[in-house]
């Protein structure tokens, strides 16, 4: 009887421990996006932005132009996350379509935004997430899907009650004719992204506060309960 009791307790405990979390999924389209240029009539970039371009694609790169002037372009992506306040992420990724020339390394940063793309976004203090994994391409229109894990960065913004999550993308390539490109989802008229393609998105999975057991777990849990009932009858 002791062996049966021990087995029943183990089954019941396993059933309780293995009850998994249920998850809530959400896809967030880009709210605002554009790229910011710093153009200087000299062979160095002074870090003071000059213009914002809202078009069908975000161009990202830097270097010295053929006329000796310097140019750097940084891409900005803004997402409305106010409805996720107080929630806990299981996973978050930044997804989209884009491409880069060989040798380019794209760095991506996150910060709490104001829902706009303005010149201050060029140098706003931000958290470095990592290098954006865009596929290499021989043509800027030959784009491919990309995905980057941003769970920790986005959870930090949610925990700080940020209304907008903004991401800044810059390039190390010192050649302005070898830009990277990311398709835009919030382009000004008359521009639009190619038919059948979308702009950047957040793909989010949130932990559910009300866990729901899987069917297999319920069977295991039930086995433990049945075992206890059987033992009770034998004792009686």
Foldseek 3Di string as FASTA:
>chain_A
DVVLLVVLVVLQVCLVVQQDFDKDKDKWAWLDKWKWKQKFPAQDGPLQTDDTAFFQKAWAAWAADPNHIIMGMKIKTKTFDLVCAPFAFPWKKKKFKKEFAPPKWKWKWKDQDDSDDDRCVSDPDTHTDGTFDFYHDPDGVPIDMGMDTPRVVVRVCSHVSRRMMMMMMHIPDRDSVGIMMTGAADGDPPHHHPPPGHGMMMITMTTDPDGDGDPVSVVSNVSSVVSVVVVVVVVD
